[in-house]
């Protein structure tokens, strides 16, 4: 990435929405911020309720450390493709 530091943000997601607002505010301030949401809700339920867009990086709980590492890698790789 040309010497630039990659910024990541792991956000616990809830339907209450405060963490979602915080993550979106951080992305507004730092557009290059890569956000990975995590939740106990299924990705289908979250998309169906219109809370997150389809394709948003989401890690479902509970998860093992290797699943976390894999999702972080996926999110970073997807973010690089968008640049």
C-alpha atoms as a PDB file:
ATOM      1  CA  UNK A   1       0.000   0.000   0.000  1.00  0.00           C
ATOM      2  CA  UNK A   2       2.743   2.458  -0.793  1.00  0.00           C
ATOM      3  CA  UNK A   3       3.947   2.821   2.788  1.00  0.00           C
ATOM      4  CA  UNK A   4       0.541   3.882   4.140  1.00  0.00           C
ATOM      5  CA  UNK A   5      -0.630   2.286   7.374  1.00  0.00           C
ATOM      6  CA  UNK A   6      -3.714   0.111   7.071  1.00  0.00           C
ATOM      7  CA  UNK A   7      -6.416   1.036   9.575  1.00  0.00           C
ATOM      8  CA  UNK A   8      -8.811  -1.572  10.910  1.00  0.00           C
ATOM      9  CA  UNK A   9     -11.782  -1.266  13.220  1.00  0.00           C
ATOM     10  CA  UNK A  10     -13.584  -4.219  14.836  1.00  0.00           C
ATOM     11  CA  UNK A  11     -17.090  -3.240  15.878  1.00  0.00           C
ATOM     12  CA  UNK A  12     -19.522  -5.202  18.064  1.00  0.00           C
ATOM     13  CA  UNK A  13     -22.862  -4.805  16.311  1.00  0.00           C
ATOM     14  CA  UNK A  14     -26.253  -4.572  17.989  1.00  0.00           C
ATOM     15  CA  UNK A  15     -29.671  -3.581  16.753  1.00  0.00           C
ATOM     16  CA  UNK A  16     -29.552  -0.707  19.255  1.00  0.00           C
ATOM     17  CA  UNK A  17     -27.336   0.935  16.666  1.00  0.00           C
ATOM     18  CA  UNK A  18     -24.883   2.911  18.796  1.00  0.00           C
ATOM     19  CA  UNK A  19     -21.888   0.864  17.694  1.00  0.00           C
ATOM     20  CA  UNK A  20     -23.018   1.150  14.083  1.00  0.00           C
ATOM     21  CA  UNK A  21     -23.186   4.939  14.384  1.00  0.00           C
ATOM     22  CA  UNK A  22     -19.734   5.000  15.990  1.00  0.00           C
ATOM     23  CA  UNK A  23     -18.235   2.881  13.201  1.00  0.00           C
ATOM     24  CA  UNK A  24     -19.856   4.994  10.487  1.00  0.00           C
ATOM     25  CA  UNK A  25     -18.653   8.194  12.170  1.00  0.00           C
ATOM     26  CA  UNK A  26     -15.106   6.819  12.272  1.00  0.00           C
ATOM     27  CA  UNK A  27     -15.332   5.935   8.572  1.00  0.00           C
ATOM     28  CA  UNK A  28     -16.560   9.456   7.805  1.00  0.00           C
ATOM     29  CA  UNK A  29     -13.465  10.842   9.542  1.00  0.00           C
ATOM     30  CA  UNK A  30     -11.117   8.229   8.042  1.00  0.00           C
ATOM     31  CA  UNK A  31     -12.508   6.990   4.701  1.00  0.00           C
ATOM     32  CA  UNK A  32      -9.722   4.417   4.366  1.00  0.00           C
ATOM     33  CA  UNK A  33     -10.814   2.719   7.611  1.00  0.00           C
ATOM     34  CA  UNK A  34     -11.643  -0.959   7.139  1.00  0.00           C
ATOM     35  CA  UNK A  35     -14.539  -1.977   9.424  1.00  0.00           C
ATOM     36  CA  UNK A  36     -15.346  -5.553  10.426  1.00  0.00           C
ATOM     37  CA  UNK A  37     -18.621  -5.926  12.326  1.00  0.00           C
ATOM     38  CA  UNK A  38     -19.287  -8.804  14.697  1.00  0.00           C
ATOM     39  CA  UNK A  39     -22.648  -9.918  16.018  1.00  0.00           C
ATOM     40  CA  UNK A  40     -24.583 -12.794  17.483  1.00  0.00           C
ATOM     41  CA  UNK A  41     -27.275 -12.109  14.880  1.00  0.00           C
ATOM     42  CA  UNK A  42     -27.082 -13.889  11.525  1.00  0.00           C
ATOM     43  CA  UNK A  43     -25.935 -11.854   8.543  1.00  0.00           C
ATOM     44  CA  UNK A  44     -29.252 -12.686   6.863  1.00  0.00           C
ATOM     45  CA  UNK A  45     -31.248 -11.152   9.741  1.00  0.00           C
ATOM     46  CA  UNK A  46     -29.121  -8.010   9.713  1.00  0.00           C
ATOM     47  CA  UNK A  47     -29.410  -7.501   5.935  1.00  0.00           C
ATOM     48  CA  UNK A  48     -33.146  -8.352   5.999  1.00  0.00           C
ATOM     49  CA  UNK A  49     -33.756  -5.592   8.574  1.00  0.00           C
ATOM     50  CA  UNK A  50     -31.781  -3.139   6.441  1.00  0.00           C
ATOM     51  CA  UNK A  51     -29.231  -2.387   9.148  1.00  0.00           C
ATOM     52  CA  UNK A  52     -26.123  -3.304   7.138  1.00  0.00           C
ATOM     53  CA  UNK A  53     -25.704  -3.506   3.395  1.00  0.00           C
ATOM     54  CA  UNK A  54     -25.271  -6.903   1.799  1.00  0.00           C
ATOM     55  CA  UNK A  55     -21.585  -7.683   1.439  1.00  0.00           C
ATOM     56  CA  UNK A  56     -20.566  -5.745   4.564  1.00  0.00           C
ATOM     57  CA  UNK A  57     -17.789  -7.544   6.464  1.00  0.00           C
ATOM     58  CA  UNK A  58     -19.522  -9.385   9.305  1.00  0.00           C
ATOM     59  CA  UNK A  59     -18.221 -12.004  11.723  1.00  0.00           C
ATOM     60  CA  UNK A  60     -20.895 -14.064  13.469  1.00  0.00           C
ATOM     61  CA  UNK A  61     -20.420 -14.998  17.126  1.00  0.00           C
ATOM     62  CA  UNK A  62     -19.376 -17.285  18.587  1.00  0.00           C
ATOM     63  CA  UNK A  63     -16.177 -17.682  16.595  1.00  0.00           C
ATOM     64  CA  UNK A  64     -12.783 -19.306  16.902  1.00  0.00           C
ATOM     65  CA  UNK A  65      -9.532 -17.322  16.606  1.00  0.00           C
ATOM     66  CA  UNK A  66      -8.844 -18.694  13.125  1.00  0.00           C
ATOM     67  CA  UNK A  67     -12.301 -17.502  11.960  1.00  0.00           C
ATOM     68  CA  UNK A  68     -11.492 -14.005  13.273  1.00  0.00           C
ATOM     69  CA  UNK A  69      -8.153 -14.019  11.478  1.00  0.00           C
ATOM     70  CA  UNK A  70      -9.809 -15.202   8.265  1.00  0.00           C
ATOM     71  CA  UNK A  71     -12.496 -12.500   8.367  1.00  0.00           C
ATOM     72  CA  UNK A  72      -9.921  -9.786   9.092  1.00  0.00           C
ATOM     73  CA  UNK A  73      -7.914 -10.994   6.081  1.00  0.00           C
ATOM     74  CA  UNK A  74     -11.068 -11.036   3.896  1.00  0.00           C
ATOM     75  CA  UNK A  75     -12.019  -7.509   4.961  1.00  0.00           C
ATOM     76  CA  UNK A  76      -8.524  -6.148   4.329  1.00  0.00           C
ATOM     77  CA  UNK A  77      -8.299  -7.858   0.934  1.00  0.00           C
ATOM     78  CA  UNK A  78     -11.735  -6.540  -0.093  1.00  0.00           C
ATOM     79  CA  UNK A  79     -10.761  -3.047   1.058  1.00  0.00           C
ATOM     80  CA  UNK A  80      -7.589  -3.160  -1.073  1.00  0.00           C
ATOM     81  CA  UNK A  81      -9.578  -4.211  -4.164  1.00  0.00           C
ATOM     82  CA  UNK A  82     -11.776  -1.126  -3.748  1.00  0.00           C
ATOM     83  CA  UNK A  83      -8.789   1.252  -3.799  1.00  0.00           C
END
